[in-house]
Amino acid sequence: MMHLSLSSKHIFVIMIFVLGGGVLGSLFCFQKSVFALQNNSPFYTIEDVSIDVTDTSALIAREKALEESQKKALFTLLERLSGRSFSFWEMCLKSLTEDDLSQLIGDFETTQEKSSPLRYVATLTYRFKKKGIDALLLKEGLEAQNIITEPVLIVPLLKIQDKIYLWEDENLWRHLWQEGSLGSSDIPLLVPLGDLEDIQSVDSSQALEKNFIFLNALCDRYKATGGALVVLSELHPDSSTSPVKEGLPLKSSSVNISISGSLSSFEGPWQPLTISSKPQESTRNLLDRALREVIKFLNTAWGRNVVDPMMGKQNLPVKTQFSSQSEWFFIREALTNLKKHHLILNYSIQKLTPQSVSLLLNFRGDITTIVSRFKEEHLDLIKNEGLWILKKTLNTKVSSTSNTTSML
């Protein structure tokens, strides 16, 4: 896998300006694809497989532990991909031989390991060959459900005390997302480059306020058709350590993670995460571990949506009010834009009159989020005597360019 350091990216930019605009465009496209390709691995990855075996010797315990951990990882993966339970796969693949299993495994690594004369304890990561796993699912009449074609843009914010970083070099959180391995994610993830165009598109306050107009522009640039997630990491510096020269604490007691955003494939609810530091753990290692926890959290949320695709979906009857045909065209165009950027799933016209249109809005999440998103499109969604009313925000100019003759 190719990774670009920050310094090498700066060198690339200088070279491109010298070579000219045509090369600039193609090389920036290449750079953007670097982060997208980190998900296009030929492997499915299962992390944090814990095993604890006691036997007549540590060597025998280790052999049994590895055999058990392989099956545990496999059944966990199949449960995630198919929506069928772990116990289902235990019964279904009872006759799976050691040779069959070895053909499915690409490689594995031991991330933690302890042993005593009679006991072996370890935590492992397994990478399974996608082709083999998909073939196994098809053999059982199933299909891998974790293939999401729409990539999602991650916008990493770092908060230290009262300072919030996005594009600044001090944003170690963003650098870790750019440099880290995202292969364990079930969702294709993109990470912005942080170049001049990004800096001009959205700033930290706009991202923190979840300003979807600016985030949508960022999504359009990176072709993140699945939407965007703002991932805020708030560090709590360890008071016993002094900050390094870049302003980052050497050690932190914990980190709080807040996730916000809307995806076409699924939506939270996004519960906050808190990750406490381990003894002698550096801030960098803590944030790196937090990144893996966020990916696992997103995998779990997405997995729930696969098993129950209707989870979190709502239908809301809405009546629009307008004083002219051009005003209705404005509302309709705004709704289409909201759908394009996955802020609503769909809308359908139920009834049409010269002064109003009855709609059915289909969306995920809670209604308060939808109300704030509509405001950004200059639409007011207000509940009046038990009925939801949608209308153009006052003092919003209506474009006269819409001259279509059809109300629909």
Protein backbone atom coordinates (compact mmCIF):
# COMPACT_ATOMS: atom_id res chain seq x y z
CA MET A 1 0.00 0.00 0.00
CA MET A 2 1.34 3.38 -0.92
CA HIS A 3 1.30 6.17 1.65
CA LEU A 4 2.28 9.78 1.07
CA SER A 5 3.88 11.70 3.89
CA LEU A 6 2.97 15.34 4.42
CA SER A 7 6.33 16.50 3.13
CA SER A 8 6.10 14.38 -0.01
CA LYS A 9 2.64 15.79 -0.74
CA HIS A 10 4.05 19.31 -0.59
CA ILE A 11 6.81 18.34 -3.02
CA PHE A 12 4.22 16.86 -5.37
CA VAL A 13 2.29 20.12 -5.41
CA ILE A 14 5.39 22.16 -6.26
CA MET A 15 6.33 19.82 -9.10
CA ILE A 16 2.84 19.89 -10.51
CA PHE A 17 2.68 23.66 -10.71
CA VAL A 18 5.88 23.61 -12.71
CA LEU A 19 4.63 20.92 -15.06
CA GLY A 20 1.32 22.61 -15.81
CA GLY A 21 -2.42 22.39 -15.35
CA GLY A 22 -3.03 19.16 -17.22
CA VAL A 23 -0.69 17.19 -15.02
CA LEU A 24 -1.98 18.99 -11.94
CA GLY A 25 -5.48 17.66 -12.47
CA SER A 26 -4.40 14.09 -13.10
CA LEU A 27 -2.01 13.94 -10.18
CA PHE A 28 -4.52 15.37 -7.76
CA CYS A 29 -6.93 12.68 -8.93
CA PHE A 30 -4.25 10.12 -8.19
CA GLN A 31 -3.64 11.54 -4.72
CA LYS A 32 -7.32 11.51 -3.90
CA SER A 33 -7.56 7.87 -4.93
CA VAL A 34 -4.74 6.91 -2.56
CA PHE A 35 -7.01 7.16 0.45
CA ALA A 36 -10.02 5.67 -1.34
CA LEU A 37 -8.04 2.62 -2.40
CA GLN A 38 -7.21 1.70 1.17
CA ASN A 39 -10.63 0.01 1.34
CA ASN A 40 -10.27 -1.91 -1.91
CA SER A 41 -8.31 -4.70 -0.28
CA PRO A 42 -8.67 -8.31 -1.47
CA PHE A 43 -9.23 -9.25 2.18
CA TYR A 44 -11.94 -9.07 4.81
CA THR A 45 -10.38 -8.08 8.14
CA ILE A 46 -11.51 -9.16 11.62
CA GLU A 47 -9.70 -7.48 14.50
CA ASP A 48 -9.51 -8.09 18.26
CA VAL A 49 -10.18 -11.84 18.24
CA SER A 50 -9.58 -12.80 21.88
CA ILE A 51 -8.70 -16.36 22.91
CA ASP A 52 -7.82 -17.96 26.25
CA VAL A 53 -6.89 -21.67 26.41
CA THR A 54 -5.48 -23.84 29.22
CA ASP A 55 -3.98 -27.30 28.57
CA THR A 56 -1.18 -29.63 29.63
CA SER A 57 1.47 -27.23 28.27
CA ALA A 58 1.70 -23.72 26.87
CA LEU A 59 2.68 -25.10 23.44
CA ILE A 60 -0.41 -27.32 23.18
CA ALA A 61 -2.57 -24.50 24.56
CA ARG A 62 -1.22 -22.18 21.86
CA GLU A 63 -1.96 -24.67 19.07
CA LYS A 64 -5.54 -25.12 20.27
CA ALA A 65 -5.96 -21.38 20.75
CA LEU A 66 -4.93 -20.63 17.17
CA GLU A 67 -7.29 -23.29 15.84
CA GLU A 68 -10.18 -21.92 17.90
CA SER A 69 -9.40 -18.29 17.04
CA GLN A 70 -9.46 -19.05 13.29
CA LYS A 71 -13.00 -20.43 13.52
CA LYS A 72 -14.10 -17.67 15.87
CA ALA A 73 -12.85 -15.03 13.42
CA LEU A 74 -14.45 -16.80 10.45
CA PHE A 75 -17.87 -17.18 12.08
CA THR A 76 -17.76 -13.55 13.27
CA LEU A 77 -17.02 -12.41 9.71
CA LEU A 78 -19.79 -14.56 8.21
CA GLU A 79 -22.25 -13.28 10.82
CA ARG A 80 -21.37 -9.72 9.86
CA LEU A 81 -21.64 -10.34 6.12
CA SER A 82 -24.80 -12.43 6.07
CA GLY A 83 -26.91 -11.32 9.04
CA ARG A 84 -27.05 -15.00 10.11
CA SER A 85 -26.04 -15.71 13.72
CA PHE A 86 -22.66 -16.95 14.94
CA SER A 87 -24.28 -20.21 16.15
CA PHE A 88 -25.85 -20.70 12.70
CA TRP A 89 -22.42 -20.72 11.08
CA GLU A 90 -20.99 -22.99 13.79
CA MET A 91 -23.64 -25.59 12.91
CA CYS A 92 -23.52 -24.97 9.16
CA LEU A 93 -19.72 -25.36 8.90
CA LYS A 94 -19.28 -28.11 11.47
CA SER A 95 -17.53 -30.27 8.89
CA LEU A 96 -15.07 -27.54 7.84
CA THR A 97 -11.57 -29.03 7.84
CA GLU A 98 -8.32 -27.36 8.86
CA ASP A 99 -7.21 -27.40 5.22
CA ASP A 100 -10.50 -25.73 4.12
CA LEU A 101 -9.94 -23.05 6.73
CA SER A 102 -6.34 -22.41 5.72
CA GLN A 103 -7.47 -21.83 2.12
CA LEU A 104 -9.72 -18.99 3.31
CA ILE A 105 -7.14 -17.20 5.46
CA GLY A 106 -4.85 -14.68 3.82
CA ASP A 107 -2.76 -14.02 6.91
CA PHE A 108 -3.02 -13.22 10.60
CA GLU A 109 -1.09 -11.33 13.25
CA THR A 110 -0.89 -11.53 17.01
CA THR A 111 -1.42 -8.09 18.55
CA GLN A 112 -1.22 -9.19 22.20
CA GLU A 113 0.13 -12.39 23.70
CA LYS A 114 0.67 -13.87 27.17
CA SER A 115 1.53 -17.38 28.28
CA SER A 116 2.21 -19.39 31.42
CA PRO A 117 3.32 -23.04 31.78
CA LEU A 118 -0.25 -24.26 31.11
CA ARG A 119 -2.10 -21.29 29.62
CA TYR A 120 -2.06 -19.21 26.44
CA VAL A 121 -3.91 -15.86 26.07
CA ALA A 122 -3.83 -13.76 22.91
CA THR A 123 -5.58 -11.17 20.78
CA LEU A 124 -5.31 -11.63 17.02
CA THR A 125 -6.24 -10.01 13.71
CA TYR A 126 -7.28 -12.21 10.77
CA ARG A 127 -7.48 -11.31 7.09
CA PHE A 128 -9.68 -13.60 4.98
CA LYS A 129 -9.59 -13.85 1.19
CA LYS A 130 -12.64 -12.08 -0.22
CA LYS A 131 -13.04 -14.42 -3.18
CA GLY A 132 -13.03 -17.48 -0.97
CA ILE A 133 -15.47 -16.02 1.55
CA ASP A 134 -17.86 -14.78 -1.14
CA ALA A 135 -17.75 -18.24 -2.77
CA LEU A 136 -18.54 -19.85 0.60
CA LEU A 137 -21.55 -17.58 1.05
CA LEU A 138 -22.82 -18.31 -2.46
CA LYS A 139 -22.48 -22.03 -1.76
CA GLU A 140 -24.93 -21.52 1.12
CA GLY A 141 -27.27 -19.55 -1.15
CA LEU A 142 -26.27 -16.21 0.39
CA GLU A 143 -24.49 -13.11 -0.82
CA ALA A 144 -22.08 -10.79 0.95
CA GLN A 145 -24.11 -7.81 2.10
CA ASN A 146 -21.29 -5.47 3.02
CA ILE A 147 -20.49 -4.33 -0.52
CA ILE A 148 -21.28 -0.60 -0.44
CA THR A 149 -20.54 1.07 -3.73
CA GLU A 150 -20.96 4.61 -2.41
CA PRO A 151 -17.86 5.94 -0.60
CA VAL A 152 -18.18 8.02 2.56
CA LEU A 153 -16.05 11.08 3.32
CA ILE A 154 -14.53 11.31 6.81
CA VAL A 155 -13.93 14.88 8.05
CA PRO A 156 -11.66 14.55 11.13
CA LEU A 157 -11.73 17.39 13.68
CA LEU A 158 -9.38 17.53 16.68
CA LYS A 159 -10.25 19.57 19.78
CA ILE A 160 -7.65 20.35 22.46
CA GLN A 161 -9.01 22.56 25.22
CA ASP A 162 -10.55 25.56 23.38
CA LYS A 163 -8.77 25.05 20.06
CA ILE A 164 -10.30 23.08 17.17
CA TYR A 165 -8.10 21.89 14.30
CA LEU A 166 -9.15 20.75 10.84
CA TRP A 167 -6.64 21.53 8.10
CA GLU A 168 -3.80 22.66 10.39
CA ASP A 169 -0.66 20.54 10.69
CA GLU A 170 -1.45 20.13 14.40
CA ASN A 171 -4.44 17.94 13.51
CA LEU A 172 -2.84 14.59 14.30
CA TRP A 173 -6.30 13.01 14.13
CA ARG A 174 -6.60 13.85 10.42
CA HIS A 175 -3.05 12.65 9.71
CA LEU A 176 -3.82 9.30 11.35
CA TRP A 177 -6.93 8.87 9.20
CA GLN A 178 -4.84 9.65 6.11
CA GLU A 179 -1.97 7.36 7.09
CA GLY A 180 -3.88 4.58 8.85
CA SER A 181 -5.10 1.31 7.42
CA LEU A 182 -8.84 1.50 6.77
CA GLY A 183 -9.02 -2.06 5.44
CA SER A 184 -11.09 -3.26 8.42
CA SER A 185 -13.94 -0.89 7.49
CA ASP A 186 -17.02 -2.37 5.84
CA ILE A 187 -17.66 1.07 4.34
CA PRO A 188 -15.47 2.60 1.60
CA LEU A 189 -13.92 5.60 3.35
CA LEU A 190 -12.32 8.69 1.85
CA VAL A 191 -10.19 11.25 3.71
CA PRO A 192 -9.65 14.79 2.35
CA LEU A 193 -6.16 15.83 1.29
CA GLY A 194 -6.26 19.09 3.22
CA ASP A 195 -4.97 21.12 0.28
CA LEU A 196 -5.85 24.70 -0.67
CA GLU A 197 -9.12 23.74 -2.32
CA ASP A 198 -10.24 21.90 0.83
CA ILE A 199 -9.23 24.84 3.02
CA GLN A 200 -11.33 27.16 0.86
CA SER A 201 -14.31 24.76 0.87
CA VAL A 202 -14.97 24.42 4.59
CA ASP A 203 -13.40 25.56 7.85
CA SER A 204 -13.45 23.97 11.31
CA SER A 205 -16.39 26.02 12.59
CA GLN A 206 -18.53 25.14 9.56
CA ALA A 207 -17.68 21.45 9.94
CA LEU A 208 -18.36 21.56 13.70
CA GLU A 209 -21.73 23.21 13.10
CA LYS A 210 -22.48 20.46 10.55
CA ASN A 211 -23.05 23.02 7.81
CA PHE A 212 -24.20 20.65 5.10
CA ILE A 213 -23.93 23.20 2.30
CA PHE A 214 -20.15 23.38 2.75
CA LEU A 215 -19.78 19.65 3.51
CA ASN A 216 -21.73 18.81 0.36
CA ALA A 217 -19.23 20.82 -1.69
CA LEU A 218 -16.44 18.73 -0.14
CA CYS A 219 -18.37 15.52 -0.93
CA ASP A 220 -18.83 16.62 -4.53
CA ARG A 221 -15.10 17.23 -4.92
CA TYR A 222 -14.15 13.75 -3.71
CA LYS A 223 -17.16 12.05 -5.31
CA ALA A 224 -18.23 10.83 -1.88
CA THR A 225 -21.68 9.84 -3.06
CA GLY A 226 -22.39 8.05 0.23
CA GLY A 227 -22.29 11.31 2.22
CA ALA A 228 -20.00 12.75 4.89
CA LEU A 229 -19.30 12.07 8.55
CA VAL A 230 -17.72 14.68 10.81
CA VAL A 231 -15.68 12.81 13.43
CA LEU A 232 -14.69 15.10 16.32
CA SER A 233 -11.95 13.86 18.64
CA GLU A 234 -11.67 15.81 21.91
CA LEU A 235 -8.45 15.15 23.79
CA HIS A 236 -8.13 15.49 27.56
CA PRO A 237 -4.43 16.17 28.17
CA ASP A 238 -2.69 14.43 31.04
CA SER A 239 -1.86 17.22 33.50
CA SER A 240 1.38 15.49 34.49
CA THR A 241 2.91 15.94 31.01
CA SER A 242 3.86 19.08 29.13
CA PRO A 243 2.79 19.65 25.49
CA VAL A 244 5.20 19.05 22.65
CA LYS A 245 6.26 21.99 20.53
CA GLU A 246 3.41 21.52 18.03
CA GLY A 247 0.92 22.15 20.83
CA LEU A 248 -0.14 18.51 21.23
CA PRO A 249 0.06 16.81 24.63
CA LEU A 250 2.57 13.99 24.95
CA LYS A 251 0.00 12.01 26.92
CA SER A 252 -3.75 12.27 27.30
CA SER A 253 -5.98 10.72 29.94
CA SER A 254 -8.82 10.03 27.48
CA VAL A 255 -10.42 11.03 24.22
CA ASN A 256 -14.10 11.67 23.51
CA ILE A 257 -15.39 10.92 20.00
CA SER A 258 -18.51 12.56 18.55
CA ILE A 259 -19.84 11.54 15.13
CA SER A 260 -22.37 13.48 13.08
CA GLY A 261 -23.58 13.36 9.52
CA SER A 262 -25.98 11.70 7.15
CA LEU A 263 -25.30 8.78 4.84
CA SER A 264 -27.32 7.36 1.98
CA SER A 265 -26.78 3.80 3.23
CA PHE A 266 -27.65 4.31 6.89
CA GLU A 267 -27.72 6.78 9.73
CA GLY A 268 -26.83 6.35 13.42
CA PRO A 269 -27.96 7.22 15.99
CA TRP A 270 -24.35 8.17 16.54
CA GLN A 271 -23.58 7.53 20.18
CA PRO A 272 -20.52 9.31 21.65
CA LEU A 273 -17.48 7.19 22.39
CA THR A 274 -14.95 7.59 25.21
CA ILE A 275 -11.60 5.82 25.03
CA SER A 276 -9.37 5.94 28.12
CA SER A 277 -5.62 5.79 27.78
CA LYS A 278 -3.56 2.81 28.87
CA PRO A 279 -0.54 3.16 31.20
CA GLN A 280 2.36 4.89 29.42
CA GLU A 281 0.31 5.22 26.20
CA SER A 282 1.18 8.24 24.07
CA THR A 283 -1.43 10.60 22.63
CA ARG A 284 -0.63 9.32 19.14
CA ASN A 285 -1.21 5.69 20.15
CA LEU A 286 -4.41 6.63 21.97
CA LEU A 287 -5.78 8.39 18.88
CA ASP A 288 -4.70 5.49 16.66
CA ARG A 289 -6.63 3.11 18.91
CA ALA A 290 -9.60 5.50 18.89
CA LEU A 291 -9.59 5.44 15.07
CA ARG A 292 -9.93 1.64 15.11
CA GLU A 293 -12.78 1.92 17.64
CA VAL A 294 -14.60 4.38 15.38
CA ILE A 295 -14.30 1.99 12.43
CA LYS A 296 -15.65 -0.89 14.54
CA PHE A 297 -18.48 1.35 15.71
CA LEU A 298 -19.39 2.28 12.13
CA ASN A 299 -19.21 -1.38 11.09
CA THR A 300 -21.63 -2.30 13.88
CA ALA A 301 -24.03 0.51 13.00
CA TRP A 302 -23.91 -0.44 9.33
CA GLY A 303 -24.37 -4.13 10.18
CA ARG A 304 -27.56 -3.36 12.11
CA ASN A 305 -28.88 -1.54 9.06
CA VAL A 306 -28.08 -4.54 6.82
CA VAL A 307 -30.05 -6.89 9.08
CA ASP A 308 -32.94 -4.43 9.36
CA PRO A 309 -32.91 -2.07 6.34
CA MET A 310 -35.97 -0.21 7.68
CA MET A 311 -34.17 0.75 10.90
CA GLY A 312 -34.38 4.47 11.57
CA LYS A 313 -36.54 5.25 8.53
CA GLN A 314 -39.43 7.64 8.95
CA ASN A 315 -42.25 8.84 6.74
CA LEU A 316 -43.54 12.34 7.39
CA PRO A 317 -46.70 13.77 5.76
CA VAL A 318 -46.02 17.42 4.89
CA LYS A 319 -48.12 20.15 3.30
CA THR A 320 -46.30 22.81 1.30
CA GLN A 321 -47.63 26.34 1.01
CA PHE A 322 -46.69 28.75 -1.77
CA SER A 323 -48.02 31.91 -3.38
CA SER A 324 -46.77 31.33 -6.92
CA GLN A 325 -45.66 28.62 -9.28
CA SER A 326 -42.04 29.84 -9.13
CA GLU A 327 -42.13 29.47 -5.34
CA TRP A 328 -43.21 25.83 -5.71
CA PHE A 329 -40.38 25.28 -8.20
CA PHE A 330 -37.98 26.69 -5.60
CA ILE A 331 -39.27 24.24 -2.95
CA ARG A 332 -39.15 21.32 -5.37
CA GLU A 333 -35.57 22.14 -6.43
CA ALA A 334 -34.50 22.40 -2.77
CA LEU A 335 -36.05 18.99 -2.00
CA THR A 336 -34.28 17.47 -5.00
CA ASN A 337 -30.99 18.91 -3.76
CA LEU A 338 -31.60 17.51 -0.26
CA LYS A 339 -32.22 14.09 -1.78
CA LYS A 340 -29.13 14.33 -3.99
CA HIS A 341 -26.96 14.90 -0.92
CA HIS A 342 -28.74 12.17 1.10
CA LEU A 343 -30.25 14.57 3.62
CA ILE A 344 -33.59 12.96 2.83
CA LEU A 345 -34.10 9.55 1.22
CA ASN A 346 -37.00 10.50 -1.01
CA TYR A 347 -40.18 12.55 -1.35
CA SER A 348 -43.40 11.84 -3.22
CA ILE A 349 -46.35 14.05 -4.16
CA GLN A 350 -49.63 12.87 -2.67
CA LYS A 351 -51.97 15.73 -3.65
CA LEU A 352 -51.60 18.84 -5.82
CA THR A 353 -53.62 22.09 -5.83
CA PRO A 354 -52.79 25.56 -7.27
CA GLN A 355 -51.74 26.84 -3.80
CA SER A 356 -50.38 23.76 -2.03
CA VAL A 357 -48.85 20.33 -2.48
CA SER A 358 -49.15 17.44 -0.02
CA LEU A 359 -45.91 15.46 0.22
CA LEU A 360 -44.62 12.36 1.94
CA LEU A 361 -41.00 12.80 3.10
CA ASN A 362 -38.89 9.69 3.65
CA PHE A 363 -35.79 10.16 5.81
CA ARG A 364 -33.59 8.66 8.51
CA GLY A 365 -32.89 10.10 11.95
CA ASP A 366 -34.91 12.52 14.05
CA ILE A 367 -37.17 15.33 12.92
CA THR A 368 -35.14 18.07 14.66
CA THR A 369 -32.14 17.24 12.46
CA ILE A 370 -34.32 17.43 9.34
CA VAL A 371 -35.69 20.84 10.39
CA SER A 372 -32.17 22.30 10.71
CA ARG A 373 -31.09 20.81 7.38
CA PHE A 374 -34.10 22.28 5.62
CA LYS A 375 -33.20 25.72 6.99
CA GLU A 376 -29.88 25.53 5.15
CA GLU A 377 -31.88 25.15 1.94
CA HIS A 378 -34.01 28.19 2.91
CA LEU A 379 -37.01 26.03 3.78
CA ASP A 380 -39.05 26.27 6.98
CA LEU A 381 -40.52 23.01 8.27
CA ILE A 382 -42.96 23.94 11.04
CA LYS A 383 -45.54 21.93 12.99
CA ASN A 384 -48.86 23.78 13.19
CA GLU A 385 -51.86 22.22 14.98
CA GLY A 386 -50.52 18.71 14.47
CA LEU A 387 -49.72 19.23 10.75
CA TRP A 388 -46.23 19.73 9.35
CA ILE A 389 -46.05 22.74 7.02
CA LEU A 390 -43.18 23.29 4.55
CA LYS A 391 -42.64 26.70 2.99
CA LYS A 392 -39.93 28.94 1.62
CA THR A 393 -38.09 30.98 4.23
CA LEU A 394 -39.19 34.61 4.23
CA ASN A 395 -36.99 37.10 2.31
CA THR A 396 -35.44 34.32 0.22
CA LYS A 397 -35.13 35.35 -3.41
CA VAL A 398 -36.83 33.01 -5.86
CA SER A 399 -34.97 32.48 -9.13
CA SER A 400 -36.96 33.32 -12.24
CA THR A 401 -35.00 30.82 -14.33
CA SER A 402 -37.46 27.99 -13.67
CA ASN A 403 -39.88 28.36 -16.57
CA THR A 404 -41.10 24.80 -16.84
CA THR A 405 -44.85 24.62 -17.42
CA SER A 406 -45.53 21.46 -15.42
CA MET A 407 -46.27 21.72 -11.70
CA LEU A 408 -44.76 18.26 -11.28
